[in-house]
Protein backbone atom coordinates (compact mmCIF):
# COMPACT_ATOMS: atom_id res chain seq x y z
CA CYS A 1 80.87 122.48 -3.32
CA PRO A 2 79.92 124.60 -6.35
CA CYS A 3 83.32 124.16 -7.98
CA PRO A 4 83.22 121.91 -11.05
CA LEU A 5 85.66 119.12 -11.61
CA PRO A 6 88.28 119.97 -14.22
CA SER A 7 87.77 118.64 -17.72
CA GLY A 8 89.86 118.34 -20.83
CA ASP A 9 93.43 117.14 -20.80
CA THR A 10 95.26 119.24 -18.24
CA PRO A 11 97.63 118.16 -15.48
CA LEU A 12 94.88 118.83 -12.92
CA SER A 13 92.27 116.81 -14.82
CA ARG A 14 94.73 113.90 -15.19
CA LEU A 15 95.37 113.97 -11.44
CA VAL A 16 91.63 114.05 -10.70
CA ARG A 17 91.02 111.09 -13.02
CA ARG A 18 93.69 109.08 -11.18
CA LEU A 19 92.06 109.90 -7.85
CA LEU A 20 88.57 109.08 -9.12
CA SER A 21 89.77 105.64 -10.19
CA ALA A 22 89.73 104.63 -6.50
CA ARG A 23 87.22 101.90 -5.72
CA ARG A 24 88.11 100.87 -2.16
CA SER A 25 90.51 103.31 -0.51
CA LEU A 26 92.30 106.62 -0.82
CA ASP A 27 95.00 107.50 1.70
CA LEU A 28 96.25 111.08 1.51
CA CYS A 29 99.32 112.46 3.25
CA LEU A 30 99.42 116.17 2.36
CA PHE A 31 101.22 119.18 3.76
CA SER A 32 98.78 121.71 2.34
CA PHE A 33 95.37 121.17 0.75
CA SER A 34 93.43 124.17 -0.54
CA CYS A 35 92.50 123.24 -4.11
CA PRO A 36 88.67 123.12 -4.27
CA GLN A 37 88.59 120.84 -7.33
CA LEU A 38 90.77 118.21 -5.66
CA ALA A 39 88.69 118.47 -2.48
CA ARG A 40 85.54 117.95 -4.53
CA ALA A 41 87.01 114.79 -6.09
CA VAL A 42 87.91 113.47 -2.62
CA GLN A 43 84.38 114.21 -1.36
CA LEU A 44 82.87 112.40 -4.34
CA LEU A 45 84.95 109.32 -3.54
CA HIS A 46 83.85 109.45 0.08
CA ARG A 47 80.19 109.66 -0.97
CA ARG A 48 80.71 106.65 -3.27
CA GLY A 49 81.80 104.61 -0.24
CA VAL A 50 85.55 104.75 -0.80
CA ARG A 51 87.40 104.78 2.54
CA VAL A 52 89.26 108.10 2.60
CA ARG A 53 91.86 108.92 5.25
CA LEU A 54 93.85 112.13 5.34
CA VAL A 55 96.98 113.07 7.28
CA THR A 56 97.96 116.73 7.20
CA ASP A 57 100.04 119.39 8.91
CA SER A 58 98.37 121.07 11.88
CA GLN A 59 99.78 124.53 11.12
CA TYR A 60 98.54 124.56 7.54
CA MET A 61 95.15 122.92 7.95
CA GLY A 62 93.60 126.04 9.47
CA LEU A 63 94.86 128.58 6.95
CA HIS A 64 92.46 130.61 4.83
CA GLY A 65 91.30 128.51 1.90
CA SER A 66 92.23 125.17 3.43
CA GLN A 67 89.85 122.39 2.43
CA ILE A 68 90.53 120.30 5.55
CA GLY A 69 87.52 121.62 7.49
CA ARG A 70 85.21 120.97 4.55
CA LEU A 71 86.51 117.41 4.24
CA ARG A 72 86.13 116.77 7.97
CA HIS A 73 82.61 118.18 7.86
CA ALA A 74 81.83 115.71 5.05
CA GLY A 75 82.80 112.85 7.38
CA ILE A 76 86.28 112.15 6.07
CA GLN A 77 88.76 110.94 8.68
CA VAL A 78 91.51 113.52 9.23
CA ARG A 79 94.53 113.33 11.50
CA HIS A 80 97.30 115.86 12.02
CA ASP A 81 100.62 116.21 13.79
CA GLN A 82 100.90 117.51 17.31
CA HIS A 83 104.54 118.53 17.47
CA SER A 84 106.83 121.15 16.04
CA GLY A 85 108.15 120.74 12.55
CA TYR A 86 106.08 120.18 9.46
CA MET A 87 104.29 117.07 8.30
CA HIS A 88 105.66 117.82 4.84
CA HIS A 89 104.75 114.71 2.83
CA LYS A 90 102.81 115.05 -0.42
CA PHE A 91 101.45 111.71 -1.56
CA ALA A 92 98.28 109.77 -2.24
CA ILE A 93 97.72 106.02 -2.40
CA VAL A 94 94.81 104.75 -4.49
CA ASP A 95 93.43 101.31 -3.60
CA ARG A 96 96.81 100.34 -2.09
CA LYS A 97 98.01 99.88 -5.70
CA MET A 98 98.84 103.32 -7.10
CA LEU A 99 101.17 105.91 -5.60
CA ILE A 100 100.88 109.58 -6.56
CA THR A 101 103.74 111.66 -5.18
CA GLY A 102 105.97 114.61 -5.95
CA SER A 103 106.57 118.22 -5.00
CA LEU A 104 102.97 119.32 -5.59
CA ASN A 105 101.11 120.84 -2.67
CA TRP A 106 97.40 120.44 -3.37
CA THR A 107 96.82 124.19 -3.64
CA ALA A 108 95.43 126.35 -6.42
CA GLN A 109 98.65 128.39 -6.35
CA ALA A 110 100.80 125.32 -6.91
CA ILE A 111 98.56 123.99 -9.68
CA GLN A 112 98.12 127.28 -11.52
CA SER A 113 101.47 129.00 -11.08
CA ASN A 114 104.26 126.83 -9.74
CA ARG A 115 106.66 124.47 -11.41
CA GLU A 116 105.84 121.17 -9.76
CA ASN A 117 106.27 117.49 -10.39
CA VAL A 118 103.92 114.57 -9.89
CA LEU A 119 104.95 110.96 -10.28
CA VAL A 120 102.41 108.14 -10.62
CA VAL A 121 103.75 104.68 -9.78
CA GLU A 122 102.02 101.31 -9.76
CA ASP A 123 105.03 99.31 -8.60
CA ALA A 124 104.09 97.26 -5.53
CA GLU A 125 107.46 97.78 -3.81
CA TYR A 126 107.19 101.58 -3.92
CA VAL A 127 103.50 101.61 -3.05
CA LYS A 128 104.16 99.40 -0.02
CA ALA A 129 106.92 101.68 1.29
CA PHE A 130 104.62 104.71 1.14
CA GLN A 131 101.66 102.74 2.53
CA ASP A 132 103.81 101.63 5.47
CA GLU A 133 104.80 105.26 6.10
CA PHE A 134 101.16 106.34 5.93
CA GLU A 135 100.10 103.67 8.44
CA ARG A 136 102.95 104.62 10.78
CA ILE A 137 101.96 108.30 10.73
CA TRP A 138 98.24 107.47 10.95
CA GLU A 139 98.88 105.63 14.21
CA GLU A 140 101.32 108.24 15.53
CA TYR A 141 98.72 110.98 14.96
CA ASN A 142 95.89 109.02 16.57
CA PRO A 143 94.14 111.49 18.91
CA ALA A 144 94.04 108.79 21.59
CA ASN A 145 97.84 109.16 21.76
CA TYR A 146 97.89 112.96 22.15
CA SER A 147 99.43 114.37 25.28
CA PHE A 148 97.98 117.64 26.49
CA PHE A 149 100.20 118.26 29.51
């Protein structure tokens, strides 16, 4: 990806720094993901050997500008819903210790133009609740469980 990582002290660069602090795992549960800089950070983590898993919404993963295909092509595990309704979560879990959540879709539009919120929490009780939800969805969206008829 030719896009540079953000620098300076901006909301985007602070988010990227939190993501890049991952040493063992990064679990992402995102409705929409089209921000190239965030995708680049996720790819860097994957190349460093961090286990990256991504759950996303099937209707939004194929839209123009989506980074999901690029991440899959890089070898990152991606799962998506198979039913109607949106997989509308927006959270990340870094090393099973840090929760990043809020209204922010990981899109350039949201980062550059919208009024969004992002909350970073390192409280084990909150992290566990979101990790449990991620694991539940990860299993629910396992392709082995898909029904085609």
